[in-house]
Amino acid sequence: MLVRLINKGLCVLKRRDFRPTASFWEANRIALESLQKNKLRSFLTLLGIILATTTLIIVTALIHGMNVYIAEKVSDMGADGFRVVRMAWFGPWDPKKFFEMLKRNPEIKPEEYEFVKDKVTLLKDIGMMVSRRRRVSYKGDSMPRVEVQGITDNMPAISNVGVAEGRVIASAEVRRHATVAFIGNDLKTRFFEGVDPIGKTIQIEGNPYEVVGVAKGMGSVFGQSQDSFVMIPIESYFKTYGARKDIEIVAKAIDQEHLMEAQDEVRMLLRAYRHLAPNQDDNFSIFASETFVTLWNRLTAAIAGMAVGIVSVFMVVGGIVIMNIMLAAVTERTHEIGIRKSLGARRRDILNQFLVESSFLSGAGGFVGVVIAWLLAVVVRNATPVPMALPWSSVFLGVGLSGLVGLFFGIYPARRASKLDPIEALRVER
């Protein structure tokens, strides 16, 4: 009886081209055949893994893309720059604290800028600016809500604004309230397409300003153009608009290593000018590029934590489904396992075969998830202002993590298959 069962099994194995000890590649081939044979079941089996990997890759692409985006575009202050403003708000919104700051913090005055400029020792450069949205026109055509900036002559250099044509505003023009303007690339494109803008006169709320230069294009941030601006001498700004509100002091430390010391020095000088006691809080705000980075790191930590929770649930659900499918595969192939063991296959051979199969199945789900995530990232990046960048490390992480999940949840079915008694297994009808 046993001989007849073995001979019958040998015929089956010969037709399937199996060996008693399945190699690594043969185990993968078996898993691939299983995927192709039962496409719907395979898809449902791997759905949890696919969703987990897709979520992981999308979140990674978003965070990585935002990191690159913030480093390149969000802050124009550079690694050694910072700003002093009346008040800056970071973190959770607190209306009570906001109105307290609004009441306590006075406007920054030009006299304070001059005081800091004369006393400071750790700055490479320091400037002053103020801005508001205004309508700008040229020969009957107009652009609403253009950012009109009143600046000191060194502000383009401090803010890392390059010159594409002409020149920046000169210090003499700031002193004598000259009606000159340094415009952004959006205005050149709108008003002076194919025309040399230098020497032309634009109107800012009806006031004429001669164009002396055009800035290099800076692109957009979250869909908001950074090239829709006009810079005019700050004294001309004060003369035109009168109110000296919303002034900002913009500074650069002598180098990045002295950034914190330079901020502390400016803080000390402003506190001294405003006669603040040691136990009183600052009634102004100082922030640098690292402030944005710190805020973003907090946000990404929260996003990553939430994503880890979602991915973990999907991975566990997907792993349990894979374990059940592998248990079903053990039951379906009990006769085959008995024949293998009768012909000399060791428990380790059977164990390895089923572990390779479960890892392959899970890894295939991870690969599909990576492809879906990549397609979604491309669509989002091209159709929306949200930056997406897919690092290669996340691809390997997604597929590798999926394979490990399959390996872990395949241990129980593989051990169960390896412990089958060959005689009992051979008695199971196919």
Protein backbone atom coordinates (compact mmCIF):
# COMPACT_ATOMS: atom_id res chain seq x y z
CA MET A 1 0.00 0.00 0.00
CA LEU A 2 2.79 2.45 0.96
CA VAL A 3 4.75 1.59 -2.20
CA ARG A 4 1.65 2.20 -4.33
CA LEU A 5 1.10 5.58 -2.70
CA ILE A 6 4.71 6.58 -3.25
CA ASN A 7 4.64 5.50 -6.90
CA LYS A 8 1.45 7.44 -7.45
CA GLY A 9 3.00 10.49 -5.83
CA LEU A 10 6.17 10.14 -7.92
CA CYS A 11 4.10 10.36 -11.06
CA VAL A 12 2.52 13.57 -9.79
CA LEU A 13 5.87 15.04 -8.82
CA LYS A 14 7.35 14.10 -12.18
CA ARG A 15 4.55 15.92 -13.98
CA ARG A 16 5.12 19.02 -11.80
CA ASP A 17 8.95 18.75 -12.11
CA PHE A 18 9.39 18.83 -8.31
CA ARG A 19 12.32 17.52 -6.33
CA PRO A 20 12.22 16.19 -2.77
CA THR A 21 14.21 19.19 -1.52
CA ALA A 22 12.84 22.33 -3.19
CA SER A 23 15.48 24.96 -3.91
CA PHE A 24 15.09 28.65 -3.16
CA TRP A 25 14.24 29.47 -6.78
CA GLU A 26 11.86 26.54 -7.07
CA ALA A 27 10.02 27.68 -3.95
CA ASN A 28 9.65 31.12 -5.54
CA ARG A 29 8.40 29.52 -8.75
CA ILE A 30 5.79 27.58 -6.78
CA ALA A 31 4.67 30.80 -5.08
CA LEU A 32 4.47 32.60 -8.45
CA GLU A 33 2.38 29.78 -9.91
CA SER A 34 0.07 30.02 -6.91
CA LEU A 35 -0.36 33.76 -7.50
CA GLN A 36 -1.13 33.24 -11.21
CA LYS A 37 -3.49 30.33 -10.63
CA ASN A 38 -5.71 32.13 -8.10
CA LYS A 39 -5.55 35.81 -9.07
CA LEU A 40 -8.56 37.00 -7.08
CA ARG A 41 -7.55 35.06 -3.99
CA SER A 42 -4.00 36.32 -4.33
CA PHE A 43 -5.19 39.93 -4.59
CA LEU A 44 -7.42 39.61 -1.52
CA THR A 45 -4.61 37.83 0.32
CA LEU A 46 -2.14 40.62 -0.37
CA LEU A 47 -4.58 43.53 -0.02
CA GLY A 48 -3.51 44.34 3.55
CA ILE A 49 0.18 44.26 2.61
CA ILE A 50 -0.47 46.41 -0.47
CA LEU A 51 -2.36 49.02 1.55
CA ALA A 52 0.29 49.05 4.27
CA THR A 53 3.16 49.47 1.82
CA THR A 54 1.32 52.12 -0.19
CA THR A 55 0.60 54.12 2.96
CA LEU A 56 4.20 53.80 4.15
CA ILE A 57 5.69 54.89 0.82
CA ILE A 58 3.24 57.78 0.31
CA VAL A 59 3.95 59.18 3.79
CA THR A 60 7.70 58.75 3.26
CA ALA A 61 7.50 60.47 -0.14
CA LEU A 62 5.50 63.36 1.36
CA ILE A 63 7.88 63.88 4.27
CA HIS A 64 11.00 63.56 2.11
CA GLY A 65 9.56 65.89 -0.53
CA MET A 66 8.61 68.47 2.09
CA ASN A 67 12.05 68.27 3.69
CA VAL A 68 13.70 69.04 0.36
CA TYR A 69 11.10 71.71 -0.41
CA ILE A 70 11.54 73.53 2.89
CA ALA A 71 15.32 73.37 2.64
CA GLU A 72 15.26 74.88 -0.86
CA LYS A 73 12.34 77.31 -0.92
CA VAL A 74 10.36 77.98 2.22
CA SER A 75 12.96 80.01 4.07
CA ASP A 76 14.83 82.72 2.17
CA MET A 77 16.98 83.53 5.21
CA GLY A 78 19.61 80.85 4.69
CA ALA A 79 21.36 78.90 7.41
CA ASP A 80 22.87 82.04 8.98
CA GLY A 81 19.89 84.43 8.77
CA PHE A 82 17.11 85.44 11.15
CA ARG A 83 14.35 88.02 11.54
CA VAL A 84 13.01 90.22 14.31
CA VAL A 85 9.28 90.95 14.12
CA ARG A 86 6.61 92.34 16.38
CA MET A 87 5.27 88.85 17.00
CA ALA A 88 5.53 85.43 15.39
CA TRP A 89 3.29 82.49 16.10
CA PHE A 90 4.45 78.86 16.01
CA GLY A 91 2.71 75.80 17.35
CA PRO A 92 -0.93 75.29 18.44
CA TRP A 93 -3.21 78.31 18.15
CA ASP A 94 -3.97 80.01 21.45
CA PRO A 95 -6.25 83.07 21.01
CA LYS A 96 -5.70 84.25 24.58
CA LYS A 97 -1.93 84.23 24.22
CA PHE A 98 -2.16 85.87 20.81
CA PHE A 99 -4.20 88.82 22.09
CA GLU A 100 -1.86 89.15 25.06
CA MET A 101 1.09 89.43 22.66
CA LEU A 102 -0.86 91.85 20.47
CA LYS A 103 -1.43 94.09 23.48
CA ARG A 104 2.05 93.73 25.00
CA ASN A 105 4.30 93.83 21.91
CA PRO A 106 4.80 97.33 20.45
CA GLU A 107 5.60 97.93 16.78
CA ILE A 108 9.27 97.76 15.83
CA LYS A 109 10.57 101.26 15.10
CA PRO A 110 13.25 102.46 12.64
CA GLU A 111 15.08 103.94 15.63
CA GLU A 112 15.41 100.47 17.14
CA TYR A 113 16.85 99.20 13.87
CA GLU A 114 19.40 102.00 13.84
CA PHE A 115 20.30 101.30 17.49
CA VAL A 116 20.87 97.58 16.87
CA LYS A 117 22.77 98.30 13.66
CA ASP A 118 25.18 100.65 15.46
CA LYS A 119 25.80 98.37 18.48
CA VAL A 120 25.79 94.82 17.13
CA THR A 121 29.10 92.98 16.62
CA LEU A 122 28.19 89.45 15.48
CA LEU A 123 26.29 90.30 12.30
CA LYS A 124 27.55 90.22 8.75
CA ASP A 125 24.69 92.43 7.59
CA ILE A 126 21.40 93.85 8.86
CA GLY A 127 18.50 95.42 7.01
CA MET A 128 14.95 96.63 7.48
CA MET A 129 11.80 96.01 5.46
CA VAL A 130 8.05 96.53 5.57
CA SER A 131 5.45 95.29 3.13
CA ARG A 132 1.79 95.34 2.18
CA ARG A 133 -0.34 94.19 -0.76
CA ARG A 134 -1.07 96.80 -3.40
CA ARG A 135 -2.24 97.09 -7.03
CA VAL A 136 0.52 97.61 -9.58
CA SER A 137 -0.21 98.72 -13.15
CA TYR A 138 1.53 99.54 -16.43
CA LYS A 139 -0.11 101.15 -19.47
CA GLY A 140 -3.63 100.20 -18.50
CA ASP A 141 -2.81 96.64 -17.43
CA SER A 142 -2.77 95.92 -13.70
CA MET A 143 -1.98 93.20 -11.17
CA PRO A 144 -3.85 93.19 -7.84
CA ARG A 145 -2.37 92.16 -4.50
CA VAL A 146 1.28 92.50 -5.46
CA GLU A 147 3.57 92.54 -2.42
CA VAL A 148 5.09 96.02 -2.27
CA GLN A 149 8.18 95.94 -0.06
CA GLY A 150 9.90 98.99 1.39
CA ILE A 151 13.54 97.98 1.87
CA THR A 152 16.98 99.15 2.79
CA ASP A 153 19.48 98.81 -0.05
CA ASN A 154 21.01 95.56 1.28
CA MET A 155 17.75 93.60 1.59
CA PRO A 156 18.02 91.72 -1.76
CA ALA A 157 21.42 90.36 -0.72
CA ILE A 158 20.25 89.46 2.80
CA SER A 159 17.13 87.72 1.43
CA ASN A 160 19.15 85.84 -1.23
CA VAL A 161 17.31 87.55 -4.10
CA GLY A 162 19.33 87.39 -7.31
CA VAL A 163 19.46 89.98 -10.09
CA ALA A 164 18.36 88.90 -13.57
CA GLU A 165 18.44 92.31 -15.28
CA GLY A 166 19.54 95.78 -14.28
CA ARG A 167 20.53 96.40 -10.67
CA VAL A 168 19.19 96.58 -7.13
CA ILE A 169 18.21 99.77 -5.31
CA ALA A 170 21.21 101.89 -4.26
CA SER A 171 21.78 103.29 -0.77
CA ALA A 172 21.71 106.88 -2.11
CA GLU A 173 18.25 106.19 -3.57
CA VAL A 174 17.03 105.04 -0.15
CA ARG A 175 18.34 108.21 1.52
CA ARG A 176 16.79 110.64 -0.99
CA HIS A 177 13.40 108.87 -1.20
CA ALA A 178 13.90 108.01 -4.88
CA THR A 179 10.91 106.66 -6.80
CA VAL A 180 12.64 103.58 -8.20
CA ALA A 181 11.57 99.93 -8.15
CA PHE A 182 13.16 96.50 -8.29
CA ILE A 183 10.50 94.10 -9.59
CA GLY A 184 9.88 90.35 -9.38
CA ASN A 185 9.79 88.04 -12.39
CA ASP A 186 5.96 87.83 -12.42
CA LEU A 187 5.70 91.56 -13.14
CA LYS A 188 8.26 91.36 -15.91
CA THR A 189 6.35 88.47 -17.50
CA ARG A 190 3.02 90.31 -17.20
CA PHE A 191 4.04 93.82 -18.23
CA PHE A 192 7.28 93.52 -20.21
CA GLU A 193 7.14 90.29 -22.21
CA GLY A 194 9.71 90.70 -24.99
CA VAL A 195 10.45 94.26 -23.85
CA ASP A 196 13.38 95.65 -21.85
CA PRO A 197 11.81 96.76 -18.53
CA ILE A 198 14.75 98.88 -17.38
CA GLY A 199 13.81 102.55 -17.39
CA LYS A 200 10.09 101.91 -17.80
CA THR A 201 7.64 103.47 -15.30
CA ILE A 202 5.10 101.39 -13.39
CA GLN A 203 2.29 102.69 -11.18
CA ILE A 204 1.87 101.55 -7.57
CA GLU A 205 -1.57 102.70 -6.46
CA GLY A 206 -1.20 105.55 -8.96
CA ASN A 207 2.31 106.56 -7.84
CA PRO A 208 5.00 106.32 -10.56
CA TYR A 209 8.19 104.30 -10.01
CA GLU A 210 11.01 103.76 -12.48
CA VAL A 211 12.13 100.14 -12.90
CA VAL A 212 15.87 99.75 -12.27
CA GLY A 213 16.13 95.97 -12.04
CA VAL A 214 14.42 92.58 -12.27
CA ALA A 215 14.91 89.72 -9.82
CA LYS A 216 15.68 86.15 -10.79
CA GLY A 217 12.68 83.82 -10.70
CA MET A 218 12.22 82.03 -7.37
CA GLY A 219 9.25 79.81 -8.24
CA SER A 220 6.37 79.13 -5.88
CA VAL A 221 5.79 77.73 -2.41
CA PHE A 222 2.68 75.55 -2.02
CA GLY A 223 1.31 77.09 -5.20
CA GLN A 224 1.92 80.66 -4.02
CA SER A 225 4.24 82.60 -6.35
CA GLN A 226 7.33 84.12 -4.76
CA ASP A 227 7.94 86.41 -7.76
CA SER A 228 4.95 88.74 -7.39
CA PHE A 229 6.65 91.63 -5.61
CA VAL A 230 8.04 95.12 -6.02
CA MET A 231 10.86 96.49 -3.89
CA ILE A 232 11.06 100.24 -3.36
CA PRO A 233 13.28 102.34 -1.04
CA ILE A 234 11.96 102.11 2.51
CA GLU A 235 12.02 105.89 2.94
CA SER A 236 9.89 106.24 -0.21
CA TYR A 237 7.55 103.69 1.31
CA PHE A 238 7.26 105.69 4.55
CA LYS A 239 6.76 108.91 2.58
CA THR A 240 3.97 107.36 0.49
CA TYR A 241 2.12 105.31 3.08
CA GLY A 242 2.98 107.25 6.23
CA ALA A 243 2.32 104.57 8.87
CA ARG A 244 5.46 102.82 10.05
CA LYS A 245 3.87 99.51 11.00
CA ASP A 246 4.84 95.87 10.51
CA ILE A 247 8.54 96.66 10.26
CA GLU A 248 10.88 93.67 10.24
CA ILE A 249 14.57 93.62 11.04
CA VAL A 250 16.37 91.07 8.86
CA ALA A 251 19.90 90.02 9.77
CA LYS A 252 22.69 87.61 8.88
CA ALA A 253 25.16 86.30 11.44
CA ILE A 254 28.86 86.37 10.65
CA ASP A 255 28.57 82.60 10.07
CA GLN A 256 26.25 79.71 10.91
CA GLU A 257 28.24 78.76 14.03
CA HIS A 258 27.53 82.19 15.54
CA LEU A 259 23.82 82.24 14.66
CA MET A 260 22.56 81.62 18.19
CA GLU A 261 25.04 84.09 19.69
CA ALA A 262 24.03 86.73 17.14
CA GLN A 263 20.34 86.24 17.97
CA ASP A 264 21.12 86.54 21.68
CA GLU A 265 23.08 89.74 21.06
CA VAL A 266 20.23 91.32 19.09
CA ARG A 267 17.76 90.19 21.77
CA MET A 268 19.89 91.78 24.49
CA LEU A 269 20.18 95.08 22.58
CA LEU A 270 16.44 95.29 21.92
CA ARG A 271 15.64 94.46 25.54
CA ALA A 272 18.03 97.19 26.65
CA TYR A 273 16.50 99.72 24.25
CA ARG A 274 13.01 98.87 25.51
CA HIS A 275 14.11 98.88 29.17
CA LEU A 276 12.83 95.37 29.88
CA ALA A 277 13.59 94.02 33.36
CA PRO A 278 15.31 90.60 33.66
CA ASN A 279 12.08 88.98 34.84
CA GLN A 280 10.03 90.36 31.93
CA ASP A 281 9.37 88.34 28.77
CA ASP A 282 10.49 89.56 25.36
CA ASN A 283 7.92 91.85 23.74
CA PHE A 284 9.17 90.98 20.24
CA SER A 285 9.86 87.73 18.36
CA ILE A 286 13.03 86.39 16.77
CA PHE A 287 12.95 83.44 14.39
CA ALA A 288 15.41 81.80 12.01
CA SER A 289 15.38 79.08 9.37
CA GLU A 290 15.83 76.49 12.09
CA THR A 291 12.50 77.62 13.58
CA PHE A 292 10.73 76.40 10.46
CA VAL A 293 12.78 73.21 10.50
CA THR A 294 11.96 72.54 14.16
CA LEU A 295 8.26 73.17 13.55
CA TRP A 296 8.29 70.91 10.51
CA ASN A 297 10.11 68.16 12.44
CA ARG A 298 7.38 68.24 15.08
CA LEU A 299 4.72 67.98 12.41
CA THR A 300 6.46 65.14 10.56
CA ALA A 301 6.95 63.27 13.82
CA ALA A 302 3.20 63.40 14.38
CA ILE A 303 2.49 62.34 10.78
CA ALA A 304 5.04 59.53 10.98
CA GLY A 305 3.60 58.30 14.29
CA MET A 306 0.10 58.17 12.85
CA ALA A 307 1.38 56.45 9.70
CA VAL A 308 3.23 53.83 11.76
CA GLY A 309 -0.01 52.99 13.55
CA ILE A 310 -1.96 52.62 10.30
CA VAL A 311 0.80 50.63 8.62
CA SER A 312 1.11 48.33 11.63
CA VAL A 313 -2.60 47.51 11.55
CA PHE A 314 -2.53 46.81 7.81
CA MET A 315 0.63 44.70 8.14
CA VAL A 316 -0.80 42.60 10.97
CA VAL A 317 -4.07 42.05 9.09
CA GLY A 318 -2.17 41.21 5.91
CA GLY A 319 0.16 38.88 7.81
CA ILE A 320 -2.75 37.00 9.41
CA VAL A 321 -4.40 36.56 6.02
CA ILE A 322 -1.15 35.24 4.55
CA MET A 323 -0.81 32.82 7.48
CA ASN A 324 -4.32 31.49 6.86
CA ILE A 325 -3.64 31.10 3.15
CA MET A 326 -0.40 29.24 3.88
CA LEU A 327 -2.25 26.96 6.32
CA ALA A 328 -4.72 26.24 3.54
CA ALA A 329 -1.79 25.54 1.19
CA VAL A 330 -0.34 23.08 3.72
CA THR A 331 -3.67 21.25 3.81
CA GLU A 332 -3.93 21.21 0.01
CA ARG A 333 -0.38 19.90 -0.40
CA THR A 334 -0.27 17.43 2.48
CA HIS A 335 0.05 14.49 0.07
CA GLU A 336 2.89 16.19 -1.76
CA ILE A 337 4.69 16.92 1.53
CA GLY A 338 4.38 13.25 2.50
CA ILE A 339 5.98 12.16 -0.77
CA ARG A 340 8.83 14.63 -0.36
CA LYS A 341 9.58 13.43 3.14
CA SER A 342 9.37 9.79 2.01
CA LEU A 343 11.98 10.50 -0.65
CA GLY A 344 14.40 12.05 1.81
CA ALA A 345 13.32 15.67 2.28
CA ARG A 346 14.25 16.91 5.73
CA ARG A 347 12.06 18.97 8.03
CA ARG A 348 14.34 21.91 7.30
CA ASP A 349 13.72 21.56 3.56
CA ILE A 350 9.94 21.66 4.01
CA LEU A 351 10.22 24.53 6.49
CA ASN A 352 12.41 26.58 4.15
CA GLN A 353 10.13 25.94 1.19
CA PHE A 354 7.03 27.31 2.91
CA LEU A 355 8.92 30.23 4.46
CA VAL A 356 10.24 31.23 1.05
CA GLU A 357 6.75 30.97 -0.41
CA SER A 358 5.15 33.15 2.30
CA SER A 359 7.95 35.71 2.04
CA PHE A 360 7.60 35.80 -1.74
CA LEU A 361 3.84 36.29 -1.51
CA SER A 362 4.20 39.12 0.99
CA GLY A 363 7.10 40.69 -0.90
CA ALA A 364 5.02 40.64 -4.09
CA GLY A 365 2.32 42.57 -2.24
CA GLY A 366 4.95 45.05 -1.07
CA PHE A 367 6.21 45.51 -4.63
CA VAL A 368 2.69 46.18 -5.90
CA GLY A 369 2.22 48.69 -3.05
CA VAL A 370 5.45 50.48 -4.04
CA VAL A 371 4.30 50.74 -7.67
CA ILE A 372 0.90 52.13 -6.64
CA ALA A 373 2.53 54.60 -4.25
CA TRP A 374 4.96 55.74 -6.95
CA LEU A 375 2.11 56.36 -9.41
CA LEU A 376 0.15 58.28 -6.77
CA ALA A 377 3.22 60.36 -5.89
CA VAL A 378 3.72 61.29 -9.56
CA VAL A 379 0.06 62.27 -9.96
CA VAL A 380 0.03 64.36 -6.76
CA ARG A 381 3.32 66.06 -7.62
CA ASN A 382 2.17 67.01 -11.13
CA ALA A 383 -1.45 67.88 -10.37
CA THR A 384 -1.10 69.72 -7.04
CA PRO A 385 1.41 72.07 -5.35
CA VAL A 386 2.20 69.37 -2.77
CA PRO A 387 5.85 68.30 -3.19
CA MET A 388 6.48 64.54 -3.38
CA ALA A 389 9.90 62.89 -3.64
CA LEU A 390 10.34 59.12 -3.47
CA PRO A 391 13.74 58.10 -2.03
CA TRP A 392 15.11 54.73 -3.10
CA SER A 393 15.54 53.76 0.53
CA SER A 394 11.75 53.80 0.99
CA VAL A 395 11.34 51.35 -1.90
CA PHE A 396 13.72 48.86 -0.31
CA LEU A 397 12.11 49.50 3.07
CA GLY A 398 8.61 48.80 1.75
CA VAL A 399 9.48 45.57 -0.07
CA GLY A 400 11.84 44.39 2.68
CA LEU A 401 9.33 45.04 5.46
CA SER A 402 6.63 43.21 3.52
CA GLY A 403 8.93 40.22 3.04
CA LEU A 404 9.73 40.16 6.75
CA VAL A 405 6.02 40.20 7.61
CA GLY A 406 5.48 37.22 5.30
CA LEU A 407 8.46 35.46 6.86
CA PHE A 408 7.17 36.02 10.41
CA PHE A 409 3.59 34.99 9.76
CA GLY A 410 4.72 32.06 7.62
CA ILE A 411 6.63 30.42 10.49
CA TYR A 412 3.60 28.65 12.00
CA PRO A 413 2.31 27.14 8.70
CA ALA A 414 5.88 26.17 7.73
CA ARG A 415 6.50 24.45 11.08
CA ARG A 416 3.19 22.65 10.80
CA ALA A 417 4.08 21.41 7.32
CA SER A 418 7.55 20.29 8.41
CA LYS A 419 6.14 18.25 11.33
CA LEU A 420 3.71 16.22 9.21
CA ASP A 421 4.18 12.48 9.50
CA PRO A 422 5.01 11.17 5.99
CA ILE A 423 2.88 8.02 6.38
CA GLU A 424 -0.17 9.94 7.56
CA ALA A 425 0.40 12.57 4.88
CA LEU A 426 0.53 9.94 2.13
CA ARG A 427 -2.85 8.58 3.21
CA VAL A 428 -4.50 11.93 2.51
CA GLU A 429 -6.44 11.77 -0.75
CA ARG A 430 -5.52 14.39 -3.33
